Amino acid sequence: MSEILEEFEQEIEEGDSKGVSFYLKIFSLLVVVVGFGIYVGDMLFGKSSLDVLLDLQSNKQILEKSVESFKQENAILQKEYFELKDLDPDSKGF
């Protein structure tokens, strides 16, 4: 009878270590997945990403204003150039 009890205790101990190992693997996998999710979320929606987005939007507005001012300056300079060369837009230019 004691032999049967010893075998039963061995099976319980082996089964228990396998169960703990399984739950430890599941828990570690869960920690890795959550950690990776937090990392990706921080990269996409973190403070640094927001700062970069706001800086890019500000730079876009500044560049659009610069383009408009350069277009106006270019039109004025072209008009001045044609006036200095005495060229008519209707003439052939040569």
PDB file of N, CA and C in Angstrom:
ATOM      1  N   MET A   1       0.822  -1.195   0.000  1.00  0.00           N
ATOM      2  CA  MET A   1       0.000   0.000   0.000  1.00  0.00           C
ATOM      3  C   MET A   1       0.863   1.255   0.000  1.00  0.00           C
ATOM      4  N   SER A   2       1.966   1.225   0.719  1.00  0.00           N
ATOM      5  CA  SER A   2       2.828   2.396   0.773  1.00  0.00           C
ATOM      6  C   SER A   2       3.459   2.675  -0.582  1.00  0.00           C
ATOM      7  N   GLU A   3       3.689   1.604  -1.364  1.00  0.00           N
ATOM      8  CA  GLU A   3       4.238   1.795  -2.701  1.00  0.00           C
ATOM      9  C   GLU A   3       3.249   2.567  -3.575  1.00  0.00           C
ATOM     10  N   ILE A   4       2.009   2.270  -3.469  1.00  0.00           N
ATOM     11  CA  ILE A   4       0.964   2.972  -4.239  1.00  0.00           C
ATOM     12  C   ILE A   4       0.905   4.429  -3.820  1.00  0.00           C
ATOM     13  N   LEU A   5       0.996   4.697  -2.527  1.00  0.00           N
ATOM     14  CA  LEU A   5       0.974   6.083  -2.053  1.00  0.00           C
ATOM     15  C   LEU A   5       2.203   6.850  -2.520  1.00  0.00           C
ATOM     16  N   GLU A   6       3.360   6.196  -2.540  1.00  0.00           N
ATOM     17  CA  GLU A   6       4.575   6.860  -3.016  1.00  0.00           C
ATOM     18  C   GLU A   6       4.456   7.191  -4.501  1.00  0.00           C
ATOM     19  N   GLU A   7       3.936   6.277  -5.298  1.00  0.00           N
ATOM     20  CA  GLU A   7       3.733   6.549  -6.731  1.00  0.00           C
ATOM     21  C   GLU A   7       2.738   7.692  -6.929  1.00  0.00           C
ATOM     22  N   PHE A   8       1.701   7.684  -6.137  1.00  0.00           N
ATOM     23  CA  PHE A   8       0.694   8.751  -6.224  1.00  0.00           C
ATOM     24  C   PHE A   8       1.317  10.111  -5.885  1.00  0.00           C
ATOM     25  N   GLU A   9       2.165  10.167  -4.854  1.00  0.00           N
ATOM     26  CA  GLU A   9       2.834  11.411  -4.470  1.00  0.00           C
ATOM     27  C   GLU A   9       3.781  11.874  -5.576  1.00  0.00           C
ATOM     28  N   GLN A  10       4.475  10.939  -6.211  1.00  0.00           N
ATOM     29  CA  GLN A  10       5.381  11.295  -7.302  1.00  0.00           C
ATOM     30  C   GLN A  10       4.592  11.870  -8.480  1.00  0.00           C
ATOM     31  N   GLU A  11       3.476  11.275  -8.810  1.00  0.00           N
ATOM     32  CA  GLU A  11       2.646  11.782  -9.902  1.00  0.00           C
ATOM     33  C   GLU A  11       2.110  13.176  -9.584  1.00  0.00           C
ATOM     34  N   ILE A  12       1.722  13.413  -8.350  1.00  0.00           N
ATOM     35  CA  ILE A  12       1.216  14.733  -7.953  1.00  0.00           C
ATOM     36  C   ILE A  12       2.329  15.772  -8.057  1.00  0.00           C
ATOM     37  N   GLU A  13       3.538  15.405  -7.584  1.00  0.00           N
ATOM     38  CA  GLU A  13       4.658  16.338  -7.639  1.00  0.00           C
ATOM     39  C   GLU A  13       5.042  16.633  -9.082  1.00  0.00           C
ATOM     40  N   GLU A  14       5.102  15.630  -9.945  1.00  0.00           N
ATOM     41  CA  GLU A  14       5.438  15.835 -11.354  1.00  0.00           C
ATOM     42  C   GLU A  14       4.360  16.650 -12.055  1.00  0.00           C
ATOM     43  N   GLY A  15       3.135  16.331 -11.814  1.00  0.00           N
ATOM     44  CA  GLY A  15       2.034  17.073 -12.423  1.00  0.00           C
ATOM     45  C   GLY A  15       2.007  18.510 -11.941  1.00  0.00           C
ATOM     46  N   ASP A  16       2.315  18.741 -10.685  1.00  0.00           N
ATOM     47  CA  ASP A  16       2.316  20.089 -10.132  1.00  0.00           C
ATOM     48  C   ASP A  16       3.424  20.925 -10.757  1.00  0.00           C
ATOM     49  N   SER A  17       4.613  20.354 -10.951  1.00  0.00           N
ATOM     50  CA  SER A  17       5.708  21.116 -11.548  1.00  0.00           C
ATOM     51  C   SER A  17       5.401  21.432 -13.001  1.00  0.00           C
ATOM     52  N   LYS A  18       4.741  20.512 -13.688  1.00  0.00           N
ATOM     53  CA  LYS A  18       4.353  20.785 -15.074  1.00  0.00           C
ATOM     54  C   LYS A  18       3.304  21.887 -15.128  1.00  0.00           C
ATOM     55  N   GLY A  19       2.367  21.885 -14.214  1.00  0.00           N
ATOM     56  CA  GLY A  19       1.335  22.924 -14.174  1.00  0.00           C
ATOM     57  C   GLY A  19       1.920  24.281 -13.863  1.00  0.00           C
ATOM     58  N   VAL A  20       2.845  24.329 -12.912  1.00  0.00           N
ATOM     59  CA  VAL A  20       3.500  25.597 -12.564  1.00  0.00           C
ATOM     60  C   VAL A  20       4.314  26.091 -13.751  1.00  0.00           C
ATOM     61  N   SER A  21       5.000  25.178 -14.409  1.00  0.00           N
ATOM     62  CA  SER A  21       5.794  25.544 -15.585  1.00  0.00           C
ATOM     63  C   SER A  21       4.899  26.111 -16.687  1.00  0.00           C
ATOM     64  N   PHE A  22       3.760  25.488 -16.900  1.00  0.00           N
ATOM     65  CA  PHE A  22       2.824  25.967 -17.923  1.00  0.00           C
ATOM     66  C   PHE A  22       2.327  27.374 -17.594  1.00  0.00           C
ATOM     67  N   TYR A  23       1.907  27.583 -16.339  1.00  0.00           N
ATOM     68  CA  TYR A  23       1.411  28.895 -15.953  1.00  0.00           C
ATOM     69  C   TYR A  23       2.521  29.942 -15.964  1.00  0.00           C
ATOM     70  N   LEU A  24       3.742  29.538 -15.651  1.00  0.00           N
ATOM     71  CA  LEU A  24       4.873  30.462 -15.701  1.00  0.00           C
ATOM     72  C   LEU A  24       5.153  30.891 -17.140  1.00  0.00           C
ATOM     73  N   LYS A  25       5.041  29.947 -18.069  1.00  0.00           N
ATOM     74  CA  LYS A  25       5.231  30.272 -19.488  1.00  0.00           C
ATOM     75  C   LYS A  25       4.137  31.219 -19.970  1.00  0.00           C
ATOM     76  N   ILE A  26       2.908  30.944 -19.608  1.00  0.00           N
ATOM     77  CA  ILE A  26       1.791  31.801 -20.011  1.00  0.00           C
ATOM     78  C   ILE A  26       1.963  33.201 -19.424  1.00  0.00           C
ATOM     79  N   PHE A  27       2.329  33.275 -18.156  1.00  0.00           N
ATOM     80  CA  PHE A  27       2.523  34.572 -17.502  1.00  0.00           C
ATOM     81  C   PHE A  27       3.662  35.349 -18.142  1.00  0.00           C
ATOM     82  N   SER A  28       4.779  34.684 -18.441  1.00  0.00           N
ATOM     83  CA  SER A  28       5.903  35.386 -19.068  1.00  0.00           C
ATOM     84  C   SER A  28       5.537  35.854 -20.468  1.00  0.00           C
ATOM     85  N   LEU A  29       4.787  35.042 -21.214  1.00  0.00           N
ATOM     86  CA  LEU A  29       4.334  35.455 -22.546  1.00  0.00           C
ATOM     87  C   LEU A  29       3.412  36.664 -22.447  1.00  0.00           C
ATOM     88  N   LEU A  30       2.535  36.663 -21.458  1.00  0.00           N
ATOM     89  CA  LEU A  30       1.634  37.791 -21.252  1.00  0.00           C
ATOM     90  C   LEU A  30       2.418  39.066 -20.920  1.00  0.00           C
ATOM     91  N   VAL A  31       3.444  38.944 -20.091  1.00  0.00           N
ATOM     92  CA  VAL A  31       4.273  40.103 -19.735  1.00  0.00           C
ATOM     93  C   VAL A  31       4.990  40.641 -20.966  1.00  0.00           C
ATOM     94  N   VAL A  32       5.511  39.763 -21.815  1.00  0.00           N
ATOM     95  CA  VAL A  32       6.199  40.194 -23.033  1.00  0.00           C
ATOM     96  C   VAL A  32       5.236  40.896 -23.981  1.00  0.00           C
ATOM     97  N   VAL A  33       4.054  40.349 -24.168  1.00  0.00           N
ATOM     98  CA  VAL A  33       3.067  40.954 -25.077  1.00  0.00           C
ATOM     99  C   VAL A  33       2.626  42.325 -24.559  1.00  0.00           C
ATOM    100  N   VAL A  34       2.353  42.420 -23.265  1.00  0.00           N
ATOM    101  CA  VAL A  34       1.935  43.710 -22.698  1.00  0.00           C
ATOM    102  C   VAL A  34       3.071  44.715 -22.785  1.00  0.00           C
ATOM    103  N   GLY A  35       4.296  44.288 -22.501  1.00  0.00           N
ATOM    104  CA  GLY A  35       5.450  45.186 -22.601  1.00  0.00           C
ATOM    105  C   GLY A  35       5.639  45.700 -24.013  1.00  0.00           C
ATOM    106  N   PHE A  36       5.516  44.800 -25.004  1.00  0.00           N
ATOM    107  CA  PHE A  36       5.649  45.208 -26.401  1.00  0.00           C
ATOM    108  C   PHE A  36       4.526  46.168 -26.804  1.00  0.00           C
ATOM    109  N   GLY A  37       3.323  45.914 -26.327  1.00  0.00           N
ATOM    110  CA  GLY A  37       2.197  46.807 -26.626  1.00  0.00           C
ATOM    111  C   GLY A  37       2.404  48.188 -26.050  1.00  0.00           C
ATOM    112  N   ILE A  38       2.923  48.247 -24.843  1.00  0.00           N
ATOM    113  CA  ILE A  38       3.207  49.559 -24.233  1.00  0.00           C
ATOM    114  C   ILE A  38       4.289  50.280 -25.023  1.00  0.00           C
ATOM    115  N   TYR A  39       5.320  49.564 -25.445  1.00  0.00           N
ATOM    116  CA  TYR A  39       6.397  50.167 -26.229  1.00  0.00           C
ATOM    117  C   TYR A  39       5.881  50.738 -27.553  1.00  0.00           C
ATOM    118  N   VAL A  40       5.099  49.941 -28.274  1.00  0.00           N
ATOM    119  CA  VAL A  40       4.558  50.398 -29.562  1.00  0.00           C
ATOM    120  C   VAL A  40       3.607  51.572 -29.352  1.00  0.00           C
ATOM    121  N   GLY A  41       2.782  51.501 -28.321  1.00  0.00           N
ATOM    122  CA  GLY A  41       1.876  52.609 -28.028  1.00  0.00           C
ATOM    123  C   GLY A  41       2.624  53.886 -27.710  1.00  0.00           C
ATOM    124  N   ASP A  42       3.714  53.771 -26.982  1.00  0.00           N
ATOM    125  CA  ASP A  42       4.518  54.948 -26.665  1.00  0.00           C
ATOM    126  C   ASP A  42       5.173  55.521 -27.916  1.00  0.00           C
ATOM    127  N   MET A  43       5.621  54.656 -28.807  1.00  0.00           N
ATOM    128  CA  MET A  43       6.253  55.133 -30.032  1.00  0.00           C
ATOM    129  C   MET A  43       5.239  55.847 -30.931  1.00  0.00           C
ATOM    130  N   LEU A  44       4.026  55.323 -31.007  1.00  0.00           N
ATOM    131  CA  LEU A  44       3.027  55.913 -31.888  1.00  0.00           C
ATOM    132  C   LEU A  44       2.332  57.119 -31.279  1.00  0.00           C
ATOM    133  N   PHE A  45       2.028  57.045 -30.003  1.00  0.00           N
ATOM    134  CA  PHE A  45       1.194  58.066 -29.386  1.00  0.00           C
ATOM    135  C   PHE A  45       1.872  58.767 -28.221  1.00  0.00           C
ATOM    136  N   GLY A  46       3.166  58.586 -28.060  1.00  0.00           N
ATOM    137  CA  GLY A  46       3.877  59.166 -26.929  1.00  0.00           C
ATOM    138  C   GLY A  46       4.114  60.654 -27.089  1.00  0.00           C
ATOM    139  N   LYS A  47       4.716  61.251 -26.092  1.00  0.00           N
ATOM    140  CA  LYS A  47       4.969  62.690 -26.078  1.00  0.00           C
ATOM    141  C   LYS A  47       5.904  63.104 -27.205  1.00  0.00           C
ATOM    142  N   SER A  48       6.951  62.331 -27.440  1.00  0.00           N
ATOM    143  CA  SER A  48       7.903  62.709 -28.484  1.00  0.00           C
ATOM    144  C   SER A  48       7.241  62.692 -29.861  1.00  0.00           C
ATOM    145  N   SER A  49       6.378  61.730 -30.111  1.00  0.00           N
ATOM    146  CA  SER A  49       5.680  61.668 -31.396  1.00  0.00           C
ATOM    147  C   SER A  49       4.758  62.878 -31.568  1.00  0.00           C
ATOM    148  N   LEU A  50       4.090  63.270 -30.493  1.00  0.00           N
ATOM    149  CA  LEU A  50       3.213  64.430 -30.554  1.00  0.00           C
ATOM    150  C   LEU A  50       4.025  65.700 -30.801  1.00  0.00           C
ATOM    151  N   ASP A  51       5.168  65.830 -30.152  1.00  0.00           N
ATOM    152  CA  ASP A  51       6.025  66.996 -30.373  1.00  0.00           C
ATOM    153  C   ASP A  51       6.486  67.073 -31.821  1.00  0.00           C
ATOM    154  N   VAL A  52       6.882  65.946 -32.386  1.00  0.00           N
ATOM    155  CA  VAL A  52       7.329  65.919 -33.780  1.00  0.00           C
ATOM    156  C   VAL A  52       6.186  66.306 -34.712  1.00  0.00           C
ATOM    157  N   LEU A  53       4.991  65.781 -34.460  1.00  0.00           N
ATOM    158  CA  LEU A  53       3.836  66.110 -35.290  1.00  0.00           C
ATOM    159  C   LEU A  53       3.531  67.600 -35.250  1.00  0.00           C
ATOM    160  N   LEU A  54       3.538  68.189 -34.071  1.00  0.00           N
ATOM    161  CA  LEU A  54       3.250  69.620 -33.944  1.00  0.00           C
ATOM    162  C   LEU A  54       4.335  70.457 -34.604  1.00  0.00           C
ATOM    163  N   ASP A  55       5.599  70.050 -34.476  1.00  0.00           N
ATOM    164  CA  ASP A  55       6.685  70.774 -35.134  1.00  0.00           C
ATOM    165  C   ASP A  55       6.549  70.709 -36.652  1.00  0.00           C
ATOM    166  N   LEU A  56       6.191  69.541 -37.170  1.00  0.00           N
ATOM    167  CA  LEU A  56       6.028  69.401 -38.619  1.00  0.00           C
ATOM    168  C   LEU A  56       4.867  70.238 -39.137  1.00  0.00           C
ATOM    169  N   GLN A  57       3.770  70.294 -38.396  1.00  0.00           N
ATOM    170  CA  GLN A  57       2.646  71.123 -38.815  1.00  0.00           C
ATOM    171  C   GLN A  57       3.032  72.598 -38.803  1.00  0.00           C
ATOM    172  N   SER A  58       3.777  73.023 -37.807  1.00  0.00           N
ATOM    173  CA  SER A  58       4.231  74.407 -37.726  1.00  0.00           C
ATOM    174  C   SER A  58       5.167  74.727 -38.892  1.00  0.00           C
ATOM    175  N   ASN A  59       6.103  73.823 -39.168  1.00  0.00           N
ATOM    176  CA  ASN A  59       7.023  74.027 -40.293  1.00  0.00           C
ATOM    177  C   ASN A  59       6.280  74.070 -41.619  1.00  0.00           C
ATOM    178  N   LYS A  60       5.234  73.276 -41.766  1.00  0.00           N
ATOM    179  CA  LYS A  60       4.449  73.275 -43.001  1.00  0.00           C
ATOM    180  C   LYS A  60       3.795  74.636 -43.217  1.00  0.00           C
ATOM    181  N   GLN A  61       3.231  75.191 -42.162  1.00  0.00           N
ATOM    182  CA  GLN A  61       2.598  76.514 -42.271  1.00  0.00           C
ATOM    183  C   GLN A  61       3.623  77.589 -42.621  1.00  0.00           C
ATOM    184  N   ILE A  62       4.786  77.525 -41.998  1.00  0.00           N
ATOM    185  CA  ILE A  62       5.847  78.507 -42.283  1.00  0.00           C
ATOM    186  C   ILE A  62       6.289  78.388 -43.732  1.00  0.00           C
ATOM    187  N   LEU A  63       6.472  77.164 -44.223  1.00  0.00           N
ATOM    188  CA  LEU A  63       6.904  76.964 -45.604  1.00  0.00           C
ATOM    189  C   LEU A  63       5.840  77.420 -46.603  1.00  0.00           C
ATOM    190  N   GLU A  64       4.564  77.189 -46.290  1.00  0.00           N
ATOM    191  CA  GLU A  64       3.504  77.653 -47.190  1.00  0.00           C
ATOM    192  C   GLU A  64       3.502  79.176 -47.282  1.00  0.00           C
ATOM    193  N   LYS A  65       3.718  79.850 -46.171  1.00  0.00           N
ATOM    194  CA  LYS A  65       3.799  81.315 -46.189  1.00  0.00           C
ATOM    195  C   LYS A  65       5.015  81.780 -46.974  1.00  0.00           C
ATOM    196  N   SER A  66       6.131  81.079 -46.838  1.00  0.00           N
ATOM    197  CA  SER A  66       7.342  81.431 -47.582  1.00  0.00           C
ATOM    198  C   SER A  66       7.126  81.266 -49.083  1.00  0.00           C
ATOM    199  N   VAL A  67       6.449  80.203 -49.469  1.00  0.00           N
ATOM    200  CA  VAL A  67       6.177  79.964 -50.892  1.00  0.00           C
ATOM    201  C   VAL A  67       5.339  81.105 -51.456  1.00  0.00           C
ATOM    202  N   GLU A  68       4.310  81.509 -50.741  1.00  0.00           N
ATOM    203  CA  GLU A  68       3.471  82.614 -51.223  1.00  0.00           C
ATOM    204  C   GLU A  68       4.267  83.910 -51.343  1.00  0.00           C
ATOM    205  N   SER A  69       5.100  84.208 -50.363  1.00  0.00           N
ATOM    206  CA  SER A  69       5.894  85.444 -50.433  1.00  0.00           C
ATOM    207  C   SER A  69       6.900  85.378 -51.575  1.00  0.00           C
ATOM    208  N   PHE A  70       7.490  84.199 -51.818  1.00  0.00           N
ATOM    209  CA  PHE A  70       8.425  84.062 -52.935  1.00  0.00           C
ATOM    210  C   PHE A  70       7.706  84.195 -54.275  1.00  0.00           C
ATOM    211  N   LYS A  71       6.484  83.703 -54.376  1.00  0.00           N
ATOM    212  CA  LYS A  71       5.712  83.860 -55.609  1.00  0.00           C
ATOM    213  C   LYS A  71       5.444  85.338 -55.885  1.00  0.00           C
ATOM    214  N   GLN A  72       5.064  86.072 -54.850  1.00  0.00           N
ATOM    215  CA  GLN A  72       4.803  87.501 -55.021  1.00  0.00           C
ATOM    216  C   GLN A  72       6.087  88.237 -55.389  1.00  0.00           C
ATOM    217  N   GLU A  73       7.175  87.911 -54.722  1.00  0.00           N
ATOM    218  CA  GLU A  73       8.453  88.558 -55.029  1.00  0.00           C
ATOM    219  C   GLU A  73       8.900  88.216 -56.441  1.00  0.00           C
ATOM    220  N   ASN A  74       8.685  86.979 -56.874  1.00  0.00           N
ATOM    221  CA  ASN A  74       9.044  86.565 -58.217  1.00  0.00           C
ATOM    222  C   ASN A  74       8.233  87.334 -59.252  1.00  0.00           C
ATOM    223  N   ALA A  75       6.952  87.526 -59.021  1.00  0.00           N
ATOM    224  CA  ALA A  75       6.117  88.275 -59.963  1.00  0.00           C
ATOM    225  C   ALA A  75       6.606  89.716 -60.073  1.00  0.00           C
ATOM    226  N   ILE A  76       6.948  90.331 -58.949  1.00  0.00           N
ATOM    227  CA  ILE A  76       7.443  91.713 -58.971  1.00  0.00           C
ATOM    228  C   ILE A  76       8.767  91.791 -59.730  1.00  0.00           C
ATOM    229  N   LEU A  77       9.666  90.855 -59.472  1.00  0.00           N
ATOM    230  CA  LEU A  77      10.974  90.867 -60.140  1.00  0.00           C
ATOM    231  C   LEU A  77      10.845  90.576 -61.631  1.00  0.00           C
ATOM    232  N   GLN A  78       9.939  89.699 -62.030  1.00  0.00           N
ATOM    233  CA  GLN A  78       9.734  89.440 -63.454  1.00  0.00           C
ATOM    234  C   GLN A  78       9.193  90.683 -64.146  1.00  0.00           C
ATOM    235  N   LYS A  79       8.275  91.378 -63.516  1.00  0.00           N
ATOM    236  CA  LYS A  79       7.724  92.602 -64.089  1.00  0.00           C
ATOM    237  C   LYS A  79       8.827  93.639 -64.247  1.00  0.00           C
ATOM    238  N   GLU A  80       9.646  93.769 -63.237  1.00  0.00           N
ATOM    239  CA  GLU A  80      10.753  94.726 -63.293  1.00  0.00           C
ATOM    240  C   GLU A  80      11.748  94.340 -64.385  1.00  0.00           C
ATOM    241  N   TYR A  81      12.025  93.055 -64.515  1.00  0.00           N
ATOM    242  CA  TYR A  81      12.961  92.575 -65.535  1.00  0.00           C
ATOM    243  C   TYR A  81      12.435  92.906 -66.926  1.00  0.00           C
ATOM    244  N   PHE A  82      11.163  92.628 -67.178  1.00  0.00           N
ATOM    245  CA  PHE A  82      10.590  92.918 -68.499  1.00  0.00           C
ATOM    246  C   PHE A  82      10.549  94.417 -68.767  1.00  0.00           C
ATOM    247  N   GLU A  83      10.332  95.220 -67.765  1.00  0.00           N
ATOM    248  CA  GLU A  83      10.342  96.668 -67.950  1.00  0.00           C
ATOM    249  C   GLU A  83      11.743  97.148 -68.285  1.00  0.00           C
ATOM    250  N   LEU A  84      12.747  96.589 -67.665  1.00  0.00           N
ATOM    251  CA  LEU A  84      14.122  96.980 -67.954  1.00  0.00           C
ATOM    252  C   LEU A  84      14.553  96.536 -69.338  1.00  0.00           C
ATOM    253  N   LYS A  85      14.119  95.432 -69.791  1.00  0.00           N
ATOM    254  CA  LYS A  85      14.481  94.929 -71.117  1.00  0.00           C
ATOM    255  C   LYS A  85      13.593  95.493 -72.214  1.00  0.00           C
ATOM    256  N   ASP A  86      12.589  96.249 -71.856  1.00  0.00           N
ATOM    257  CA  ASP A  86      11.630  96.796 -72.826  1.00  0.00           C
ATOM    258  C   ASP A  86      11.015  95.704 -73.680  1.00  0.00           C
ATOM    259  N   LEU A  87      10.631  94.679 -73.045  1.00  0.00           N
ATOM    260  CA  LEU A  87       9.989  93.598 -73.766  1.00  0.00           C
ATOM    261  C   LEU A  87       8.492  93.655 -73.508  1.00  0.00           C
ATOM    262  N   ASP A  88       7.761  93.497 -74.582  1.00  0.00           N
ATOM    263  CA  ASP A  88       6.320  93.387 -74.461  1.00  0.00           C
ATOM    264  C   ASP A  88       5.958  91.912 -74.401  1.00  0.00           C
ATOM    265  N   PRO A  89       4.973  91.605 -73.600  1.00  0.00           N
ATOM    266  CA  PRO A  89       4.543  90.211 -73.593  1.00  0.00           C
ATOM    267  C   PRO A  89       3.977  89.769 -74.935  1.00  0.00           C
ATOM    268  N   ASP A  90       3.480  90.751 -75.750  1.00  0.00           N
ATOM    269  CA  ASP A  90       2.910  90.417 -77.054  1.00  0.00           C
ATOM    270  C   ASP A  90       3.982  90.248 -78.119  1.00  0.00           C
ATOM    271  N   SER A  91       5.141  90.866 -77.947  1.00  0.00           N
ATOM    272  CA  SER A  91       6.190  90.763 -78.950  1.00  0.00           C
ATOM    273  C   SER A  91       6.904  89.417 -78.828  1.00  0.00           C
ATOM    274  N   LYS A  92       7.690  89.107 -79.856  1.00  0.00           N
ATOM    275  CA  LYS A  92       8.379  87.832 -79.865  1.00  0.00           C
ATOM    276  C   LYS A  92       9.561  87.811 -78.891  1.00  0.00           C
ATOM    277  N   GLY A  93      10.035  88.934 -78.481  1.00  0.00           N
ATOM    278  CA  GLY A  93      11.117  89.007 -77.514  1.00  0.00           C
ATOM    279  C   GLY A  93      12.488  89.129 -78.134  1.00  0.00           C
ATOM    280  N   PHE A  94      12.604  88.995 -79.433  1.00  0.00           N
ATOM    281  CA  PHE A  94      13.934  89.125 -80.053  1.00  0.00           C
ATOM    282  C   PHE A  94      13.959  90.219 -81.038  1.00  0.00           C
TER     283      PHE A  94
END
